[in-house]
């Protein structure tokens, strides 16, 4: 009986410590994202160079008798 109570108390203490640490870490790091930063998709697509190409065999016009 004592081992069970000790185990339950240790488990509860670990859970509370984990939840407390999670709450403390997320409360300080949450901040609003800057609204001035924009990604220009047209600039990225026009200036993309040396992108990897996919090579495959095209079997769309192969007819089997």
PDB file of N, CA and C in Angstrom:
ATOM      1  N   UNK A   1       0.829  -1.188   0.000  1.00  0.00           N
ATOM      2  CA  UNK A   1       0.000   0.000   0.000  1.00  0.00           C
ATOM      3  C   UNK A   1       0.870   1.246   0.000  1.00  0.00           C
ATOM      4  N   UNK A   2       1.951   1.239   0.765  1.00  0.00           N
ATOM      5  CA  UNK A   2       2.804   2.413   0.844  1.00  0.00           C
ATOM      6  C   UNK A   2       3.531   2.658  -0.475  1.00  0.00           C
ATOM      7  N   UNK A   3       3.950   1.563  -1.145  1.00  0.00           N
ATOM      8  CA  UNK A   3       4.643   1.716  -2.418  1.00  0.00           C
ATOM      9  C   UNK A   3       3.710   2.294  -3.470  1.00  0.00           C
ATOM     10  N   UNK A   4       2.459   1.898  -3.438  1.00  0.00           N
ATOM     11  CA  UNK A   4       1.482   2.413  -4.397  1.00  0.00           C
ATOM     12  C   UNK A   4       1.237   3.895  -4.170  1.00  0.00           C
ATOM     13  N   UNK A   5       1.111   4.293  -2.917  1.00  0.00           N
ATOM     14  CA  UNK A   5       0.895   5.706  -2.621  1.00  0.00           C
ATOM     15  C   UNK A   5       2.118   6.539  -2.992  1.00  0.00           C
ATOM     16  N   UNK A   6       3.300   6.003  -2.717  1.00  0.00           N
ATOM     17  CA  UNK A   6       4.526   6.710  -3.056  1.00  0.00           C
ATOM     18  C   UNK A   6       4.648   6.861  -4.573  1.00  0.00           C
ATOM     19  N   UNK A   7       4.325   5.790  -5.302  1.00  0.00           N
ATOM     20  CA  UNK A   7       4.371   5.846  -6.766  1.00  0.00           C
ATOM     21  C   UNK A   7       3.364   6.853  -7.312  1.00  0.00           C
ATOM     22  N   UNK A   8       2.148   6.875  -6.777  1.00  0.00           N
ATOM     23  CA  UNK A   8       1.121   7.814  -7.226  1.00  0.00           C
ATOM     24  C   UNK A   8       1.544   9.254  -6.930  1.00  0.00           C
ATOM     25  N   UNK A   9       2.132   9.476  -5.763  1.00  0.00           N
ATOM     26  CA  UNK A   9       2.592  10.815  -5.410  1.00  0.00           C
ATOM     27  C   UNK A   9       3.728  11.265  -6.330  1.00  0.00           C
ATOM     28  N   UNK A  10       4.671  10.365  -6.627  1.00  0.00           N
ATOM     29  CA  UNK A  10       5.787  10.711  -7.514  1.00  0.00           C
ATOM     30  C   UNK A  10       5.286  10.985  -8.934  1.00  0.00           C
ATOM     31  N   UNK A  11       4.339  10.186  -9.405  1.00  0.00           N
ATOM     32  CA  UNK A  11       3.787  10.402 -10.743  1.00  0.00           C
ATOM     33  C   UNK A  11       3.055  11.736 -10.821  1.00  0.00           C
ATOM     34  N   UNK A  12       2.278  12.057  -9.809  1.00  0.00           N
ATOM     35  CA  UNK A  12       1.558  13.326  -9.792  1.00  0.00           C
ATOM     36  C   UNK A  12       2.523  14.508  -9.738  1.00  0.00           C
ATOM     37  N   UNK A  13       3.603  14.365  -8.966  1.00  0.00           N
ATOM     38  CA  UNK A  13       4.580  15.447  -8.875  1.00  0.00           C
ATOM     39  C   UNK A  13       5.290  15.654 -10.212  1.00  0.00           C
ATOM     40  N   UNK A  14       5.629  14.569 -10.908  1.00  0.00           N
ATOM     41  CA  UNK A  14       6.268  14.700 -12.216  1.00  0.00           C
ATOM     42  C   UNK A  14       5.334  15.326 -13.246  1.00  0.00           C
ATOM     43  N   UNK A  15       4.082  14.944 -13.214  1.00  0.00           N
ATOM     44  CA  UNK A  15       3.109  15.523 -14.150  1.00  0.00           C
ATOM     45  C   UNK A  15       2.943  17.015 -13.885  1.00  0.00           C
ATOM     46  N   UNK A  16       2.808  17.387 -12.628  1.00  0.00           N
ATOM     47  CA  UNK A  16       2.656  18.808 -12.299  1.00  0.00           C
ATOM     48  C   UNK A  16       3.900  19.603 -12.652  1.00  0.00           C
ATOM     49  N   UNK A  17       5.070  19.036 -12.436  1.00  0.00           N
ATOM     50  CA  UNK A  17       6.309  19.736 -12.798  1.00  0.00           C
ATOM     51  C   UNK A  17       6.410  19.902 -14.313  1.00  0.00           C
ATOM     52  N   UNK A  18       6.016  18.887 -15.065  1.00  0.00           N
ATOM     53  CA  UNK A  18       6.048  18.983 -16.529  1.00  0.00           C
ATOM     54  C   UNK A  18       5.076  20.019 -17.057  1.00  0.00           C
ATOM     55  N   UNK A  19       3.868  20.015 -16.535  1.00  0.00           N
ATOM     56  CA  UNK A  19       2.869  21.000 -16.972  1.00  0.00           C
ATOM     57  C   UNK A  19       3.298  22.402 -16.557  1.00  0.00           C
ATOM     58  N   UNK A  20       3.844  22.546 -15.375  1.00  0.00           N
ATOM     59  CA  UNK A  20       4.316  23.863 -14.936  1.00  0.00           C
ATOM     60  C   UNK A  20       5.456  24.379 -15.790  1.00  0.00           C
ATOM     61  N   UNK A  21       6.382  23.509 -16.147  1.00  0.00           N
ATOM     62  CA  UNK A  21       7.474  23.920 -17.019  1.00  0.00           C
ATOM     63  C   UNK A  21       7.002  24.283 -18.404  1.00  0.00           C
ATOM     64  N   UNK A  22       6.026  23.531 -18.911  1.00  0.00           N
ATOM     65  CA  UNK A  22       5.479  23.833 -20.237  1.00  0.00           C
ATOM     66  C   UNK A  22       4.767  25.181 -20.243  1.00  0.00           C
ATOM     67  N   UNK A  23       3.987  25.454 -19.211  1.00  0.00           N
ATOM     68  CA  UNK A  23       3.272  26.733 -19.130  1.00  0.00           C
ATOM     69  C   UNK A  23       4.256  27.885 -18.991  1.00  0.00           C
ATOM     70  N   UNK A  24       5.281  27.710 -18.195  1.00  0.00           N
ATOM     71  CA  UNK A  24       6.259  28.772 -17.979  1.00  0.00           C
ATOM     72  C   UNK A  24       7.070  29.037 -19.242  1.00  0.00           C
ATOM     73  N   UNK A  25       7.353  28.008 -20.019  1.00  0.00           N
ATOM     74  CA  UNK A  25       8.169  28.218 -21.216  1.00  0.00           C
ATOM     75  C   UNK A  25       7.368  28.834 -22.351  1.00  0.00           C
ATOM     76  N   UNK A  26       6.093  28.511 -22.478  1.00  0.00           N
ATOM     77  CA  UNK A  26       5.301  29.059 -23.579  1.00  0.00           C
ATOM     78  C   UNK A  26       4.815  30.472 -23.288  1.00  0.00           C
ATOM     79  N   UNK A  27       4.698  30.846 -22.028  1.00  0.00           N
ATOM     80  CA  UNK A  27       4.197  32.180 -21.703  1.00  0.00           C
ATOM     81  C   UNK A  27       5.219  33.257 -22.081  1.00  0.00           C
ATOM     82  N   UNK A  28       6.497  32.958 -22.001  1.00  0.00           N
ATOM     83  CA  UNK A  28       7.516  33.959 -22.294  1.00  0.00           C
ATOM     84  C   UNK A  28       7.830  34.045 -23.777  1.00  0.00           C
ATOM     85  N   UNK A  29       7.652  32.968 -24.513  1.00  0.00           N
ATOM     86  CA  UNK A  29       8.068  32.953 -25.910  1.00  0.00           C
ATOM     87  C   UNK A  29       6.963  33.338 -26.880  1.00  0.00           C
ATOM     88  N   UNK A  30       5.741  33.471 -26.426  1.00  0.00           N
ATOM     89  CA  UNK A  30       4.659  33.812 -27.348  1.00  0.00           C
ATOM     90  C   UNK A  30       4.710  35.300 -27.665  1.00  0.00           C
ATOM     91  N   UNK A  31       4.796  35.598 -28.938  1.00  0.00           N
ATOM     92  CA  UNK A  31       4.829  36.977 -29.388  1.00  0.00           C
ATOM     93  C   UNK A  31       4.140  37.046 -30.750  1.00  0.00           C
ATOM     94  N   UNK A  32       3.628  38.195 -31.078  1.00  0.00           N
ATOM     95  CA  UNK A  32       2.948  38.368 -32.361  1.00  0.00           C
ATOM     96  C   UNK A  32       3.969  38.391 -33.490  1.00  0.00           C
ATOM     97  N   UNK A  33       3.593  37.798 -34.596  1.00  0.00           N
ATOM     98  CA  UNK A  33       4.475  37.786 -35.762  1.00  0.00           C
ATOM     99  C   UNK A  33       4.498  39.175 -36.395  1.00  0.00           C
ATOM    100  N   UNK A  34       5.648  39.605 -36.881  1.00  0.00           N
ATOM    101  CA  UNK A  34       5.702  40.923 -37.515  1.00  0.00           C
ATOM    102  C   UNK A  34       4.862  40.931 -38.802  1.00  0.00           C
ATOM    103  N   UNK A  35       4.132  42.014 -38.989  1.00  0.00           N
ATOM    104  CA  UNK A  35       3.247  42.089 -40.153  1.00  0.00           C
ATOM    105  C   UNK A  35       3.946  42.689 -41.370  1.00  0.00           C
ATOM    106  N   UNK A  36       5.131  43.267 -41.204  1.00  0.00           N
ATOM    107  CA  UNK A  36       5.814  43.894 -42.332  1.00  0.00           C
ATOM    108  C   UNK A  36       6.533  42.888 -43.221  1.00  0.00           C
ATOM    109  N   UNK A  37       6.797  41.697 -42.730  1.00  0.00           N
ATOM    110  CA  UNK A  37       7.545  40.706 -43.495  1.00  0.00           C
ATOM    111  C   UNK A  37       6.603  40.026 -44.471  1.00  0.00           C
ATOM    112  N   UNK A  38       6.920  40.133 -45.753  1.00  0.00           N
ATOM    113  CA  UNK A  38       6.117  39.500 -46.800  1.00  0.00           C
ATOM    114  C   UNK A  38       7.049  38.699 -47.695  1.00  0.00           C
ATOM    115  N   UNK A  39       6.589  37.566 -48.148  1.00  0.00           N
ATOM    116  CA  UNK A  39       7.351  36.745 -49.080  1.00  0.00           C
ATOM    117  C   UNK A  39       6.822  37.023 -50.477  1.00  0.00           C
ATOM    118  N   UNK A  40       7.706  37.477 -51.348  1.00  0.00           N
ATOM    119  CA  UNK A  40       7.323  37.786 -52.720  1.00  0.00           C
ATOM    120  C   UNK A  40       7.462  36.531 -53.572  1.00  0.00           C
ATOM    121  N   UNK A  41       6.344  35.875 -53.838  1.00  0.00           N
ATOM    122  CA  UNK A  41       6.351  34.607 -54.565  1.00  0.00           C
ATOM    123  C   UNK A  41       6.807  34.806 -56.004  1.00  0.00           C
ATOM    124  N   UNK A  42       6.406  35.884 -56.650  1.00  0.00           N
ATOM    125  CA  UNK A  42       6.802  36.091 -58.043  1.00  0.00           C
ATOM    126  C   UNK A  42       8.318  36.298 -58.161  1.00  0.00           C
ATOM    127  N   UNK A  43       8.918  36.972 -57.204  1.00  0.00           N
ATOM    128  CA  UNK A  43      10.368  37.144 -57.207  1.00  0.00           C
ATOM    129  C   UNK A  43      11.071  35.800 -57.031  1.00  0.00           C
ATOM    130  N   UNK A  44      10.551  34.967 -56.152  1.00  0.00           N
ATOM    131  CA  UNK A  44      11.161  33.664 -55.920  1.00  0.00           C
ATOM    132  C   UNK A  44      11.074  32.768 -57.147  1.00  0.00           C
ATOM    133  N   UNK A  45       9.946  32.797 -57.830  1.00  0.00           N
ATOM    134  CA  UNK A  45       9.791  31.919 -58.987  1.00  0.00           C
ATOM    135  C   UNK A  45      10.566  32.425 -60.196  1.00  0.00           C
ATOM    136  N   UNK A  46      10.706  33.725 -60.365  1.00  0.00           N
ATOM    137  CA  UNK A  46      11.440  34.250 -61.512  1.00  0.00           C
ATOM    138  C   UNK A  46      12.951  34.076 -61.340  1.00  0.00           C
ATOM    139  N   UNK A  47      13.446  34.100 -60.133  1.00  0.00           N
ATOM    140  CA  UNK A  47      14.882  34.054 -59.898  1.00  0.00           C
ATOM    141  C   UNK A  47      15.367  32.699 -59.383  1.00  0.00           C
ATOM    142  N   UNK A  48      14.576  31.666 -59.533  1.00  0.00           N
ATOM    143  CA  UNK A  48      14.990  30.338 -59.085  1.00  0.00           C
ATOM    144  C   UNK A  48      15.973  29.751 -60.089  1.00  0.00           C
ATOM    145  N   UNK A  49      17.130  29.319 -59.606  1.00  0.00           N
ATOM    146  CA  UNK A  49      18.161  28.759 -60.471  1.00  0.00           C
ATOM    147  C   UNK A  49      18.675  27.465 -59.870  1.00  0.00           C
ATOM    148  N   UNK A  50      19.141  26.583 -60.726  1.00  0.00           N
ATOM    149  CA  UNK A  50      19.759  25.311 -60.338  1.00  0.00           C
ATOM    150  C   UNK A  50      18.852  24.467 -59.443  1.00  0.00           C
ATOM    151  N   UNK A  51      17.581  24.420 -59.798  1.00  0.00           N
ATOM    152  CA  UNK A  51      16.674  23.571 -59.050  1.00  0.00           C
ATOM    153  C   UNK A  51      16.809  22.136 -59.532  1.00  0.00           C
ATOM    154  N   UNK A  52      16.613  21.170 -58.677  1.00  0.00           N
ATOM    155  CA  UNK A  52      16.711  19.778 -59.106  1.00  0.00           C
ATOM    156  C   UNK A  52      15.556  19.427 -60.049  1.00  0.00           C
ATOM    157  N   UNK A  53      15.860  18.612 -61.039  1.00  0.00           N
ATOM    158  CA  UNK A  53      14.830  18.190 -61.984  1.00  0.00           C
ATOM    159  C   UNK A  53      14.532  16.719 -61.764  1.00  0.00           C
ATOM    160  N   UNK A  54      13.290  16.365 -61.985  1.00  0.00           N
ATOM    161  CA  UNK A  54      12.876  14.987 -61.833  1.00  0.00           C
ATOM    162  C   UNK A  54      12.910  14.316 -63.197  1.00  0.00           C
ATOM    163  N   UNK A  55      13.531  13.179 -63.269  1.00  0.00           N
ATOM    164  CA  UNK A  55      13.628  12.442 -64.521  1.00  0.00           C
ATOM    165  C   UNK A  55      12.828  11.153 -64.386  1.00  0.00           C
ATOM    166  N   UNK A  56      11.980  10.922 -65.370  1.00  0.00           N
ATOM    167  CA  UNK A  56      11.172   9.717 -65.364  1.00  0.00           C
ATOM    168  C   UNK A  56      10.872   9.305 -66.798  1.00  0.00           C
ATOM    169  N   UNK A  57      10.476   8.045 -66.982  1.00  0.00           N
ATOM    170  CA  UNK A  57      10.089   7.563 -68.298  1.00  0.00           C
ATOM    171  C   UNK A  57       8.593   7.754 -68.457  1.00  0.00           C
ATOM    172  N   UNK A  58       8.224   8.289 -69.602  1.00  0.00           N
ATOM    173  CA  UNK A  58       6.813   8.556 -69.877  1.00  0.00           C
ATOM    174  C   UNK A  58       6.228   7.363 -70.604  1.00  0.00           C
ATOM    175  N   UNK A  59       5.333   6.642 -69.966  1.00  0.00           N
ATOM    176  CA  UNK A  59       4.667   5.475 -70.552  1.00  0.00           C
ATOM    177  C   UNK A  59       3.215   5.756 -70.890  1.00  0.00           C
ATOM    178  N   UNK A  60       2.847   7.005 -71.098  1.00  0.00           N
ATOM    179  CA  UNK A  60       1.444   7.320 -71.362  1.00  0.00           C
ATOM    180  C   UNK A  60       0.979   6.863 -72.725  1.00  0.00           C
ATOM    181  N   UNK A  61       1.881   6.744 -73.692  1.00  0.00           N
ATOM    182  CA  UNK A  61       1.449   6.363 -75.036  1.00  0.00           C
ATOM    183  C   UNK A  61       1.849   4.922 -75.383  1.00  0.00           C
ATOM    184  N   UNK A  62       2.091   4.098 -74.404  1.00  0.00           N
ATOM    185  CA  UNK A  62       2.436   2.707 -74.639  1.00  0.00           C
ATOM    186  C   UNK A  62       1.139   1.896 -74.692  1.00  0.00           C
ATOM    187  N   UNK A  63       0.953   1.178 -75.803  1.00  0.00           N
ATOM    188  CA  UNK A  63      -0.249   0.375 -75.972  1.00  0.00           C
ATOM    189  C   UNK A  63       0.117  -1.093 -75.906  1.00  0.00           C
ATOM    190  N   UNK A  64      -0.615  -1.840 -75.147  1.00  0.00           N
ATOM    191  CA  UNK A  64      -0.362  -3.273 -74.989  1.00  0.00           C
ATOM    192  C   UNK A  64      -1.457  -4.023 -75.741  1.00  0.00           C
ATOM    193  N   UNK A  65      -1.029  -4.983 -76.544  1.00  0.00           N
ATOM    194  CA  UNK A  65      -2.017  -5.796 -77.282  1.00  0.00           C
ATOM    195  C   UNK A  65      -2.456  -6.982 -76.491  1.00  0.00           C
TER     196      UNK A  65
END
